[in-house]
Amino acid sequence: MTDRRHFLHTLGGAAALAALHPLAALAQTIEQVKILYGFPAGSAGDSVARRVGE
């Protein structure tokens, strides 16, 4: 009986999270972010910062 109850609780929690997922996506705002990298262009860190910024 414990296994069945655990399964039903897990199933209910998964259903609740699946229902709330689209609402979380709508709550995020889309804003432009500036990344200041204090080293010369073309360095390895600059390449990483550009990839993260995309």
PDB file of N, CA and C in Angstrom:
ATOM      1  N   MET A   1       0.820  -1.190   0.000  1.00  0.00           N
ATOM      2  CA  MET A   1       0.000   0.000   0.000  1.00  0.00           C
ATOM      3  C   MET A   1       0.867   1.257   0.000  1.00  0.00           C
ATOM      4  N   THR A   2       1.988   1.203   0.682  1.00  0.00           N
ATOM      5  CA  THR A   2       2.871   2.362   0.727  1.00  0.00           C
ATOM      6  C   THR A   2       3.407   2.688  -0.664  1.00  0.00           C
ATOM      7  N   ASP A   3       3.706   1.660  -1.422  1.00  0.00           N
ATOM      8  CA  ASP A   3       4.224   1.891  -2.768  1.00  0.00           C
ATOM      9  C   ASP A   3       3.181   2.574  -3.647  1.00  0.00           C
ATOM     10  N   ARG A   4       1.937   2.159  -3.512  1.00  0.00           N
ATOM     11  CA  ARG A   4       0.875   2.772  -4.312  1.00  0.00           C
ATOM     12  C   ARG A   4       0.682   4.231  -3.915  1.00  0.00           C
ATOM     13  N   ARG A   5       0.694   4.501  -2.615  1.00  0.00           N
ATOM     14  CA  ARG A   5       0.521   5.872  -2.132  1.00  0.00           C
ATOM     15  C   ARG A   5       1.683   6.747  -2.590  1.00  0.00           C
ATOM     16  N   HIS A   6       2.875   6.224  -2.499  1.00  0.00           N
ATOM     17  CA  HIS A   6       4.055   6.969  -2.943  1.00  0.00           C
ATOM     18  C   HIS A   6       3.960   7.260  -4.443  1.00  0.00           C
ATOM     19  N   PHE A   7       3.547   6.273  -5.212  1.00  0.00           N
ATOM     20  CA  PHE A   7       3.396   6.456  -6.652  1.00  0.00           C
ATOM     21  C   PHE A   7       2.365   7.535  -6.963  1.00  0.00           C
ATOM     22  N   LEU A   8       1.229   7.514  -6.278  1.00  0.00           N
ATOM     23  CA  LEU A   8       0.187   8.507  -6.530  1.00  0.00           C
ATOM     24  C   LEU A   8       0.634   9.909  -6.127  1.00  0.00           C
ATOM     25  N   HIS A   9       1.373  10.027  -5.032  1.00  0.00           N
ATOM     26  CA  HIS A   9       1.906  11.335  -4.626  1.00  0.00           C
ATOM     27  C   HIS A   9       2.906  11.853  -5.654  1.00  0.00           C
ATOM     28  N   THR A  10       3.756  10.982  -6.128  1.00  0.00           N
ATOM     29  CA  THR A  10       4.737  11.380  -7.137  1.00  0.00           C
ATOM     30  C   THR A  10       4.049  11.782  -8.434  1.00  0.00           C
ATOM     31  N   LEU A  11       3.044  11.027  -8.830  1.00  0.00           N
ATOM     32  CA  LEU A  11       2.300  11.338 -10.038  1.00  0.00           C
ATOM     33  C   LEU A  11       1.581  12.680  -9.910  1.00  0.00           C
ATOM     34  N   GLY A  12       0.987  12.942  -8.754  1.00  0.00           N
ATOM     35  CA  GLY A  12       0.311  14.226  -8.525  1.00  0.00           C
ATOM     36  C   GLY A  12       1.281  15.393  -8.540  1.00  0.00           C
ATOM     37  N   GLY A  13       2.449  15.211  -7.943  1.00  0.00           N
ATOM     38  CA  GLY A  13       3.460  16.266  -7.956  1.00  0.00           C
ATOM     39  C   GLY A  13       3.973  16.550  -9.350  1.00  0.00           C
ATOM     40  N   ALA A  14       4.174  15.507 -10.130  1.00  0.00           N
ATOM     41  CA  ALA A  14       4.633  15.696 -11.507  1.00  0.00           C
ATOM     42  C   ALA A  14       3.579  16.421 -12.337  1.00  0.00           C
ATOM     43  N   ALA A  15       2.315  16.095 -12.113  1.00  0.00           N
ATOM     44  CA  ALA A  15       1.242  16.768 -12.848  1.00  0.00           C
ATOM     45  C   ALA A  15       1.163  18.242 -12.469  1.00  0.00           C
ATOM     46  N   ALA A  16       1.359  18.547 -11.187  1.00  0.00           N
ATOM     47  CA  ALA A  16       1.326  19.944 -10.748  1.00  0.00           C
ATOM     48  C   ALA A  16       2.483  20.733 -11.349  1.00  0.00           C
ATOM     49  N   LEU A  17       3.670  20.147 -11.374  1.00  0.00           N
ATOM     50  CA  LEU A  17       4.820  20.832 -11.965  1.00  0.00           C
ATOM     51  C   LEU A  17       4.637  21.030 -13.461  1.00  0.00           C
ATOM     52  N   ALA A  18       4.069  20.050 -14.130  1.00  0.00           N
ATOM     53  CA  ALA A  18       3.842  20.176 -15.568  1.00  0.00           C
ATOM     54  C   ALA A  18       2.827  21.268 -15.867  1.00  0.00           C
ATOM     55  N   ALA A  19       1.853  21.443 -14.981  1.00  0.00           N
ATOM     56  CA  ALA A  19       0.836  22.475 -15.189  1.00  0.00           C
ATOM     57  C   ALA A  19       1.407  23.870 -14.946  1.00  0.00           C
ATOM     58  N   LEU A  20       2.367  24.000 -14.035  1.00  0.00           N
ATOM     59  CA  LEU A  20       2.925  25.308 -13.696  1.00  0.00           C
ATOM     60  C   LEU A  20       4.089  25.717 -14.588  1.00  0.00           C
ATOM     61  N   HIS A  21       4.637  24.803 -15.347  1.00  0.00           N
ATOM     62  CA  HIS A  21       5.804  25.108 -16.175  1.00  0.00           C
ATOM     63  C   HIS A  21       5.542  26.223 -17.192  1.00  0.00           C
ATOM     64  N   PRO A  22       4.447  26.222 -17.948  1.00  0.00           N
ATOM     65  CA  PRO A  22       4.213  27.322 -18.897  1.00  0.00           C
ATOM     66  C   PRO A  22       4.055  28.673 -18.206  1.00  0.00           C
ATOM     67  N   LEU A  23       3.514  28.685 -17.000  1.00  0.00           N
ATOM     68  CA  LEU A  23       3.368  29.943 -16.272  1.00  0.00           C
ATOM     69  C   LEU A  23       4.726  30.515 -15.885  1.00  0.00           C
ATOM     70  N   ALA A  24       5.667  29.661 -15.551  1.00  0.00           N
ATOM     71  CA  ALA A  24       7.005  30.127 -15.205  1.00  0.00           C
ATOM     72  C   ALA A  24       7.702  30.715 -16.425  1.00  0.00           C
ATOM     73  N   ALA A  25       7.466  30.156 -17.583  1.00  0.00           N
ATOM     74  CA  ALA A  25       8.078  30.678 -18.805  1.00  0.00           C
ATOM     75  C   ALA A  25       7.519  32.053 -19.144  1.00  0.00           C
ATOM     76  N   LEU A  26       6.246  32.288 -18.879  1.00  0.00           N
ATOM     77  CA  LEU A  26       5.654  33.591 -19.155  1.00  0.00           C
ATOM     78  C   LEU A  26       6.128  34.651 -18.171  1.00  0.00           C
ATOM     79  N   ALA A  27       6.532  34.240 -16.978  1.00  0.00           N
ATOM     80  CA  ALA A  27       6.936  35.195 -15.954  1.00  0.00           C
ATOM     81  C   ALA A  27       8.320  35.787 -16.218  1.00  0.00           C
ATOM     82  N   GLN A  28       9.121  35.151 -17.056  1.00  0.00           N
ATOM     83  CA  GLN A  28      10.464  35.641 -17.321  1.00  0.00           C
ATOM     84  C   GLN A  28      10.410  36.802 -18.303  1.00  0.00           C
ATOM     85  N   THR A  29      11.132  37.849 -17.984  1.00  0.00           N
ATOM     86  CA  THR A  29      11.191  38.995 -18.879  1.00  0.00           C
ATOM     87  C   THR A  29      12.394  38.848 -19.809  1.00  0.00           C
ATOM     88  N   ILE A  30      12.269  39.420 -20.968  1.00  0.00           N
ATOM     89  CA  ILE A  30      13.362  39.378 -21.939  1.00  0.00           C
ATOM     90  C   ILE A  30      14.007  40.757 -21.950  1.00  0.00           C
ATOM     91  N   GLU A  31      15.211  40.820 -21.434  1.00  0.00           N
ATOM     92  CA  GLU A  31      15.943  42.080 -21.377  1.00  0.00           C
ATOM     93  C   GLU A  31      17.336  41.868 -21.953  1.00  0.00           C
ATOM     94  N   GLN A  32      17.883  42.936 -22.481  1.00  0.00           N
ATOM     95  CA  GLN A  32      19.231  42.870 -23.010  1.00  0.00           C
ATOM     96  C   GLN A  32      20.216  42.956 -21.852  1.00  0.00           C
ATOM     97  N   VAL A  33      21.230  42.123 -21.893  1.00  0.00           N
ATOM     98  CA  VAL A  33      22.238  42.082 -20.843  1.00  0.00           C
ATOM     99  C   VAL A  33      23.578  42.439 -21.460  1.00  0.00           C
ATOM    100  N   LYS A  34      24.319  43.312 -20.783  1.00  0.00           N
ATOM    101  CA  LYS A  34      25.657  43.675 -21.254  1.00  0.00           C
ATOM    102  C   LYS A  34      26.690  42.916 -20.433  1.00  0.00           C
ATOM    103  N   ILE A  35      27.645  42.329 -21.126  1.00  0.00           N
ATOM    104  CA  ILE A  35      28.740  41.627 -20.469  1.00  0.00           C
ATOM    105  C   ILE A  35      29.999  42.444 -20.695  1.00  0.00           C
ATOM    106  N   LEU A  36      30.614  42.884 -19.614  1.00  0.00           N
ATOM    107  CA  LEU A  36      31.860  43.648 -19.703  1.00  0.00           C
ATOM    108  C   LEU A  36      33.021  42.697 -19.449  1.00  0.00           C
ATOM    109  N   TYR A  37      33.862  42.551 -20.447  1.00  0.00           N
ATOM    110  CA  TYR A  37      35.010  41.668 -20.348  1.00  0.00           C
ATOM    111  C   TYR A  37      36.248  42.530 -20.519  1.00  0.00           C
ATOM    112  N   GLY A  38      37.072  42.619 -19.497  1.00  0.00           N
ATOM    113  CA  GLY A  38      38.178  43.563 -19.467  1.00  0.00           C
ATOM    114  C   GLY A  38      39.477  43.099 -20.090  1.00  0.00           C
ATOM    115  N   PHE A  39      39.419  42.214 -21.042  1.00  0.00           N
ATOM    116  CA  PHE A  39      40.629  41.733 -21.685  1.00  0.00           C
ATOM    117  C   PHE A  39      40.489  41.895 -23.194  1.00  0.00           C
ATOM    118  N   PRO A  40      41.587  41.791 -23.949  1.00  0.00           N
ATOM    119  CA  PRO A  40      41.520  42.057 -25.386  1.00  0.00           C
ATOM    120  C   PRO A  40      40.596  41.099 -26.141  1.00  0.00           C
ATOM    121  N   ALA A  41      40.059  41.626 -27.233  1.00  0.00           N
ATOM    122  CA  ALA A  41      39.194  40.809 -28.084  1.00  0.00           C
ATOM    123  C   ALA A  41      40.008  39.699 -28.732  1.00  0.00           C
ATOM    124  N   GLY A  42      39.392  38.557 -28.914  1.00  0.00           N
ATOM    125  CA  GLY A  42      40.059  37.433 -29.554  1.00  0.00           C
ATOM    126  C   GLY A  42      40.698  36.463 -28.586  1.00  0.00           C
ATOM    127  N   SER A  43      40.742  36.797 -27.312  1.00  0.00           N
ATOM    128  CA  SER A  43      41.326  35.869 -26.345  1.00  0.00           C
ATOM    129  C   SER A  43      40.335  34.746 -26.049  1.00  0.00           C
ATOM    130  N   ALA A  44      40.803  33.728 -25.352  1.00  0.00           N
ATOM    131  CA  ALA A  44      39.943  32.580 -25.051  1.00  0.00           C
ATOM    132  C   ALA A  44      38.761  32.998 -24.181  1.00  0.00           C
ATOM    133  N   GLY A  45      39.010  33.851 -23.211  1.00  0.00           N
ATOM    134  CA  GLY A  45      37.929  34.320 -22.348  1.00  0.00           C
ATOM    135  C   GLY A  45      36.900  35.144 -23.096  1.00  0.00           C
ATOM    136  N   ASP A  46      37.352  35.905 -24.083  1.00  0.00           N
ATOM    137  CA  ASP A  46      36.433  36.693 -24.903  1.00  0.00           C
ATOM    138  C   ASP A  46      35.512  35.776 -25.700  1.00  0.00           C
ATOM    139  N   SER A  47      36.067  34.710 -26.234  1.00  0.00           N
ATOM    140  CA  SER A  47      35.250  33.756 -26.984  1.00  0.00           C
ATOM    141  C   SER A  47      34.196  33.115 -26.091  1.00  0.00           C
ATOM    142  N   VAL A  48      34.581  32.772 -24.875  1.00  0.00           N
ATOM    143  CA  VAL A  48      33.631  32.176 -23.933  1.00  0.00           C
ATOM    144  C   VAL A  48      32.548  33.182 -23.573  1.00  0.00           C
ATOM    145  N   ALA A  49      32.926  34.422 -23.310  1.00  0.00           N
ATOM    146  CA  ALA A  49      31.946  35.452 -22.959  1.00  0.00           C
ATOM    147  C   ALA A  49      30.964  35.693 -24.101  1.00  0.00           C
ATOM    148  N   ARG A  50      31.440  35.648 -25.325  1.00  0.00           N
ATOM    149  CA  ARG A  50      30.542  35.828 -26.478  1.00  0.00           C
ATOM    150  C   ARG A  50      29.560  34.667 -26.603  1.00  0.00           C
ATOM    151  N   ARG A  51      30.013  33.452 -26.342  1.00  0.00           N
ATOM    152  CA  ARG A  51      29.119  32.282 -26.415  1.00  0.00           C
ATOM    153  C   ARG A  51      28.078  32.331 -25.304  1.00  0.00           C
ATOM    154  N   VAL A  52      28.486  32.730 -24.121  1.00  0.00           N
ATOM    155  CA  VAL A  52      27.544  32.835 -23.003  1.00  0.00           C
ATOM    156  C   VAL A  52      26.530  33.932 -23.284  1.00  0.00           C
ATOM    157  N   GLY A  53      26.964  35.004 -23.919  1.00  0.00           N
ATOM    158  CA  GLY A  53      26.077  36.117 -24.224  1.00  0.00           C
ATOM    159  C   GLY A  53      25.031  35.802 -25.272  1.00  0.00           C
ATOM    160  N   GLU A  54      25.274  34.801 -26.087  1.00  0.00           N
ATOM    161  CA  GLU A  54      24.290  34.438 -27.118  1.00  0.00           C
ATOM    162  C   GLU A  54      23.172  33.773 -26.464  1.00  0.00           C
TER     163      GLU A  54
END
